[in-house]
Amino acid sequence: MISRPEFVHRHKDGWQITIWVQPGARKTELAGMYQGCAKIRLNAPAVDNKANKSLVKFVAQLLKLKKSQVVIVSGQTNRRKLLALSPTGEPDWGNLLPEPAPR
C-alpha cells in the first residue's frame, strides 16, 4: 500500500483530505498537486452544486468508497475544499496520486 500523501490527515473516525478543484475542464481527472492539495479537474460547471457533486462522486470512485462516505466539510463555494472520508478501513491513497512523469 502507498504511504499517506501530505494532503491526507487522520481525523476522528476517518480522514480529511484537501482538494483544489478546477471546474469546467474538458474531462474529470487528477491533475497533480497545487498549494499542498490534490488538484482535480472536473468536467462539471461551478453552478447549481454540479461541481461539488461531481467531486464527491469522483473521489468516492477513486478510493472505492460509497458517495455517502465522502462529505465536503468546508469550501462549498471555493476552489479549495476539505473533504471528510468515513471508510471502514484505510483507503488505497495511491489512486489519489498523479501518475509519475515518464522518463
N, C-alpha and C. Protein backbone atom coordinates (compact mmCIF):
# COMPACT_ATOMS: atom_id res chain seq x y z
N MET A 1 0.84 -1.18 0.00
CA MET A 1 0.00 0.00 0.00
C MET A 1 0.89 1.24 0.00
N ILE A 2 0.43 2.28 -0.68
CA ILE A 2 1.13 3.55 -0.78
C ILE A 2 1.02 4.29 0.55
N SER A 3 2.09 4.99 0.92
CA SER A 3 2.02 5.78 2.15
C SER A 3 1.06 6.95 1.95
N ARG A 4 0.59 7.46 3.05
CA ARG A 4 -0.40 8.54 3.03
C ARG A 4 0.20 9.81 2.45
N PRO A 5 -0.46 10.45 1.49
CA PRO A 5 0.03 11.72 0.93
C PRO A 5 -0.06 12.85 1.94
N GLU A 6 0.67 13.94 1.68
CA GLU A 6 0.71 15.08 2.60
C GLU A 6 -0.63 15.78 2.75
N PHE A 7 -1.53 15.65 1.79
CA PHE A 7 -2.82 16.34 1.86
C PHE A 7 -3.89 15.51 2.58
N VAL A 8 -3.51 14.37 3.15
CA VAL A 8 -4.43 13.49 3.88
C VAL A 8 -4.09 13.53 5.37
N HIS A 9 -5.11 13.71 6.20
CA HIS A 9 -4.90 13.78 7.64
C HIS A 9 -5.92 12.90 8.36
N ARG A 10 -5.48 12.24 9.40
CA ARG A 10 -6.38 11.44 10.24
C ARG A 10 -7.26 12.40 11.03
N HIS A 11 -8.54 12.08 11.14
CA HIS A 11 -9.46 12.96 11.87
C HIS A 11 -10.58 12.12 12.46
N LYS A 12 -10.71 12.17 13.77
CA LYS A 12 -11.75 11.44 14.50
C LYS A 12 -11.88 10.01 13.99
N ASP A 13 -13.03 9.67 13.41
CA ASP A 13 -13.27 8.30 12.94
C ASP A 13 -12.97 8.10 11.46
N GLY A 14 -12.21 9.00 10.87
CA GLY A 14 -11.94 8.88 9.44
C GLY A 14 -10.74 9.69 9.03
N TRP A 15 -10.85 10.28 7.85
CA TRP A 15 -9.74 11.01 7.24
C TRP A 15 -10.25 12.32 6.69
N GLN A 16 -9.37 13.28 6.55
CA GLN A 16 -9.69 14.52 5.86
C GLN A 16 -8.66 14.73 4.76
N ILE A 17 -9.14 15.18 3.62
CA ILE A 17 -8.23 15.48 2.52
C ILE A 17 -8.54 16.88 1.98
N THR A 18 -7.48 17.57 1.56
CA THR A 18 -7.66 18.88 0.95
C THR A 18 -7.51 18.74 -0.56
N ILE A 19 -8.45 19.34 -1.25
CA ILE A 19 -8.52 19.23 -2.71
C ILE A 19 -8.60 20.63 -3.31
N TRP A 20 -7.90 20.84 -4.40
CA TRP A 20 -8.04 22.06 -5.19
C TRP A 20 -8.79 21.66 -6.45
N VAL A 21 -9.90 22.34 -6.71
CA VAL A 21 -10.80 21.95 -7.80
C VAL A 21 -10.72 22.96 -8.94
N GLN A 22 -10.70 22.43 -10.15
CA GLN A 22 -10.79 23.26 -11.35
C GLN A 22 -12.04 22.83 -12.11
N PRO A 23 -13.17 23.50 -11.87
CA PRO A 23 -14.41 23.13 -12.57
C PRO A 23 -14.39 23.58 -14.02
N GLY A 24 -15.26 22.99 -14.83
CA GLY A 24 -15.39 23.39 -16.23
C GLY A 24 -14.29 22.88 -17.13
N ALA A 25 -13.56 21.86 -16.71
CA ALA A 25 -12.49 21.30 -17.53
C ALA A 25 -13.07 20.38 -18.61
N ARG A 26 -12.22 19.99 -19.56
CA ARG A 26 -12.69 19.10 -20.63
C ARG A 26 -13.07 17.72 -20.11
N LYS A 27 -12.30 17.23 -19.13
CA LYS A 27 -12.63 15.93 -18.55
C LYS A 27 -12.27 15.92 -17.07
N THR A 28 -12.88 15.01 -16.35
CA THR A 28 -12.61 14.86 -14.92
C THR A 28 -11.38 13.99 -14.75
N GLU A 29 -10.38 14.53 -14.02
CA GLU A 29 -9.12 13.80 -13.85
C GLU A 29 -8.29 14.40 -12.72
N LEU A 30 -7.35 13.62 -12.23
CA LEU A 30 -6.34 14.13 -11.31
C LEU A 30 -5.39 14.99 -12.11
N ALA A 31 -4.93 16.08 -11.52
CA ALA A 31 -4.06 16.99 -12.25
C ALA A 31 -2.82 17.36 -11.45
N GLY A 32 -2.38 16.51 -10.55
CA GLY A 32 -1.17 16.77 -9.79
C GLY A 32 -1.45 17.42 -8.45
N MET A 33 -0.50 18.24 -8.02
CA MET A 33 -0.60 18.92 -6.73
C MET A 33 -0.63 20.42 -6.98
N TYR A 34 -1.31 21.12 -6.06
CA TYR A 34 -1.35 22.58 -6.13
C TYR A 34 -1.54 23.11 -4.72
N GLN A 35 -0.61 23.94 -4.27
CA GLN A 35 -0.64 24.55 -2.94
C GLN A 35 -0.91 23.54 -1.83
N GLY A 36 -0.23 22.41 -1.88
CA GLY A 36 -0.36 21.39 -0.85
C GLY A 36 -1.63 20.58 -0.91
N CYS A 37 -2.37 20.69 -2.00
CA CYS A 37 -3.63 19.95 -2.19
C CYS A 37 -3.51 19.04 -3.40
N ALA A 38 -4.36 18.03 -3.44
CA ALA A 38 -4.50 17.25 -4.67
C ALA A 38 -5.35 18.10 -5.61
N LYS A 39 -4.90 18.29 -6.83
CA LYS A 39 -5.66 19.08 -7.79
C LYS A 39 -6.49 18.14 -8.65
N ILE A 40 -7.78 18.46 -8.76
CA ILE A 40 -8.69 17.66 -9.58
C ILE A 40 -9.41 18.57 -10.55
N ARG A 41 -9.33 18.22 -11.82
CA ARG A 41 -10.11 18.93 -12.85
C ARG A 41 -11.46 18.23 -12.97
N LEU A 42 -12.52 19.03 -13.05
CA LEU A 42 -13.87 18.47 -13.13
C LEU A 42 -14.56 18.89 -14.41
N ASN A 43 -15.17 17.94 -15.08
CA ASN A 43 -15.97 18.21 -16.26
C ASN A 43 -17.40 18.54 -15.81
N ALA A 44 -17.50 19.54 -14.98
CA ALA A 44 -18.79 19.99 -14.46
C ALA A 44 -18.66 21.47 -14.15
N PRO A 45 -19.68 22.24 -14.46
CA PRO A 45 -19.60 23.68 -14.17
C PRO A 45 -19.79 23.96 -12.69
N ALA A 46 -19.31 25.12 -12.28
CA ALA A 46 -19.45 25.53 -10.88
C ALA A 46 -20.79 26.25 -10.68
N VAL A 47 -21.85 25.59 -11.11
CA VAL A 47 -23.20 26.15 -10.95
C VAL A 47 -24.12 25.08 -10.38
N ASP A 48 -25.08 25.52 -9.58
CA ASP A 48 -26.10 24.61 -9.03
C ASP A 48 -25.50 23.39 -8.34
N ASN A 49 -24.33 23.56 -7.70
CA ASN A 49 -23.69 22.48 -6.93
C ASN A 49 -23.22 21.30 -7.80
N LYS A 50 -23.19 21.47 -9.12
CA LYS A 50 -22.80 20.38 -10.01
C LYS A 50 -21.34 19.97 -9.82
N ALA A 51 -20.45 20.93 -9.66
CA ALA A 51 -19.03 20.61 -9.47
C ALA A 51 -18.82 19.87 -8.16
N ASN A 52 -19.50 20.27 -7.09
CA ASN A 52 -19.35 19.59 -5.80
C ASN A 52 -19.84 18.15 -5.88
N LYS A 53 -20.97 17.93 -6.53
CA LYS A 53 -21.50 16.57 -6.68
C LYS A 53 -20.55 15.72 -7.51
N SER A 54 -20.00 16.30 -8.56
CA SER A 54 -19.05 15.59 -9.40
C SER A 54 -17.78 15.24 -8.62
N LEU A 55 -17.32 16.16 -7.79
CA LEU A 55 -16.12 15.92 -6.97
C LEU A 55 -16.34 14.76 -6.01
N VAL A 56 -17.46 14.76 -5.30
CA VAL A 56 -17.76 13.70 -4.34
C VAL A 56 -17.81 12.35 -5.06
N LYS A 57 -18.47 12.31 -6.19
CA LYS A 57 -18.58 11.06 -6.96
C LYS A 57 -17.20 10.58 -7.43
N PHE A 58 -16.37 11.50 -7.94
CA PHE A 58 -15.05 11.15 -8.46
C PHE A 58 -14.14 10.64 -7.35
N VAL A 59 -14.09 11.34 -6.22
CA VAL A 59 -13.24 10.92 -5.10
C VAL A 59 -13.71 9.56 -4.56
N ALA A 60 -15.01 9.38 -4.45
CA ALA A 60 -15.55 8.10 -3.98
C ALA A 60 -15.13 6.97 -4.92
N GLN A 61 -15.20 7.20 -6.21
CA GLN A 61 -14.78 6.17 -7.18
C GLN A 61 -13.30 5.87 -7.06
N LEU A 62 -12.48 6.91 -6.96
CA LEU A 62 -11.03 6.73 -6.86
C LEU A 62 -10.65 5.89 -5.64
N LEU A 63 -11.30 6.16 -4.52
CA LEU A 63 -10.95 5.49 -3.27
C LEU A 63 -11.82 4.27 -2.97
N LYS A 64 -12.68 3.93 -3.93
CA LYS A 64 -13.57 2.77 -3.79
C LYS A 64 -14.44 2.88 -2.54
N LEU A 65 -15.06 4.04 -2.39
CA LEU A 65 -15.97 4.31 -1.27
C LEU A 65 -17.36 4.58 -1.82
N LYS A 66 -18.33 4.56 -0.94
CA LYS A 66 -19.68 4.98 -1.30
C LYS A 66 -19.70 6.51 -1.29
N LYS A 67 -20.56 7.11 -2.11
CA LYS A 67 -20.67 8.57 -2.12
C LYS A 67 -21.04 9.11 -0.74
N SER A 68 -21.80 8.33 0.01
CA SER A 68 -22.20 8.77 1.35
C SER A 68 -21.03 8.81 2.33
N GLN A 69 -19.90 8.20 1.97
CA GLN A 69 -18.71 8.19 2.83
C GLN A 69 -17.78 9.37 2.54
N VAL A 70 -18.15 10.21 1.57
CA VAL A 70 -17.35 11.38 1.21
C VAL A 70 -18.22 12.62 1.38
N VAL A 71 -17.79 13.55 2.23
CA VAL A 71 -18.58 14.74 2.54
C VAL A 71 -17.69 15.98 2.43
N ILE A 72 -18.19 17.02 1.78
CA ILE A 72 -17.46 18.29 1.74
C ILE A 72 -17.73 19.02 3.05
N VAL A 73 -16.68 19.20 3.84
CA VAL A 73 -16.80 19.82 5.16
C VAL A 73 -16.71 21.34 5.05
N SER A 74 -15.81 21.81 4.21
CA SER A 74 -15.69 23.25 4.01
C SER A 74 -15.25 23.54 2.59
N GLY A 75 -15.54 24.76 2.15
CA GLY A 75 -15.14 25.17 0.80
C GLY A 75 -16.20 24.91 -0.25
N GLN A 76 -17.46 24.81 0.14
CA GLN A 76 -18.52 24.51 -0.82
C GLN A 76 -18.54 25.49 -1.99
N THR A 77 -18.16 26.76 -1.75
CA THR A 77 -18.17 27.75 -2.83
C THR A 77 -16.77 28.21 -3.21
N ASN A 78 -15.74 27.50 -2.75
CA ASN A 78 -14.35 27.84 -3.07
C ASN A 78 -13.71 26.73 -3.89
N ARG A 79 -12.57 27.04 -4.46
CA ARG A 79 -11.83 26.00 -5.19
C ARG A 79 -11.12 25.05 -4.23
N ARG A 80 -10.68 25.59 -3.08
CA ARG A 80 -10.01 24.75 -2.07
C ARG A 80 -11.09 24.14 -1.18
N LYS A 81 -11.10 22.82 -1.10
CA LYS A 81 -12.15 22.13 -0.36
C LYS A 81 -11.53 21.16 0.64
N LEU A 82 -12.21 20.97 1.73
CA LEU A 82 -11.82 19.98 2.74
C LEU A 82 -12.89 18.91 2.73
N LEU A 83 -12.47 17.68 2.45
CA LEU A 83 -13.40 16.55 2.40
C LEU A 83 -13.16 15.64 3.59
N ALA A 84 -14.24 15.14 4.16
CA ALA A 84 -14.15 14.15 5.23
C ALA A 84 -14.52 12.80 4.64
N LEU A 85 -13.71 11.80 4.95
CA LEU A 85 -13.95 10.43 4.49
C LEU A 85 -14.22 9.57 5.70
N SER A 86 -15.21 8.70 5.58
CA SER A 86 -15.50 7.79 6.69
C SER A 86 -15.52 6.35 6.19
N PRO A 87 -14.36 5.84 5.76
CA PRO A 87 -14.29 4.46 5.30
C PRO A 87 -14.22 3.49 6.46
N THR A 88 -14.41 2.22 6.16
CA THR A 88 -14.29 1.20 7.21
C THR A 88 -12.83 0.88 7.51
N GLY A 89 -11.95 1.09 6.55
CA GLY A 89 -10.52 0.89 6.74
C GLY A 89 -9.78 2.02 6.06
N GLU A 90 -8.45 1.92 6.00
CA GLU A 90 -7.69 2.97 5.32
C GLU A 90 -7.74 2.76 3.82
N PRO A 91 -8.16 3.78 3.06
CA PRO A 91 -8.24 3.66 1.60
C PRO A 91 -6.86 3.49 0.96
N ASP A 92 -6.83 3.08 -0.28
CA ASP A 92 -5.60 2.99 -1.06
C ASP A 92 -5.32 4.38 -1.61
N TRP A 93 -4.45 5.12 -0.95
CA TRP A 93 -4.18 6.51 -1.32
C TRP A 93 -3.49 6.63 -2.66
N GLY A 94 -2.91 5.57 -3.16
CA GLY A 94 -2.22 5.60 -4.45
C GLY A 94 -3.12 6.05 -5.58
N ASN A 95 -4.41 5.79 -5.47
CA ASN A 95 -5.34 6.21 -6.51
C ASN A 95 -5.56 7.71 -6.53
N LEU A 96 -5.19 8.41 -5.46
CA LEU A 96 -5.33 9.87 -5.41
C LEU A 96 -4.06 10.58 -5.83
N LEU A 97 -3.02 9.85 -6.11
CA LEU A 97 -1.76 10.45 -6.51
C LEU A 97 -1.66 10.47 -8.03
N PRO A 98 -1.15 11.56 -8.60
CA PRO A 98 -0.98 11.60 -10.04
C PRO A 98 0.06 10.58 -10.48
N GLU A 99 -0.08 10.13 -11.70
CA GLU A 99 0.90 9.18 -12.26
C GLU A 99 2.25 9.88 -12.37
N PRO A 100 3.33 9.18 -12.07
CA PRO A 100 4.64 9.80 -12.22
C PRO A 100 4.92 10.09 -13.69
N ALA A 101 5.67 11.15 -13.93
CA ALA A 101 6.00 11.52 -15.31
C ALA A 101 6.89 10.45 -15.93
N PRO A 102 6.66 10.11 -17.21
CA PRO A 102 7.51 9.11 -17.86
C PRO A 102 8.92 9.64 -18.02
N ARG A 103 9.88 8.74 -17.97
CA ARG A 103 11.30 9.13 -18.10
C ARG A 103 11.73 9.11 -19.53
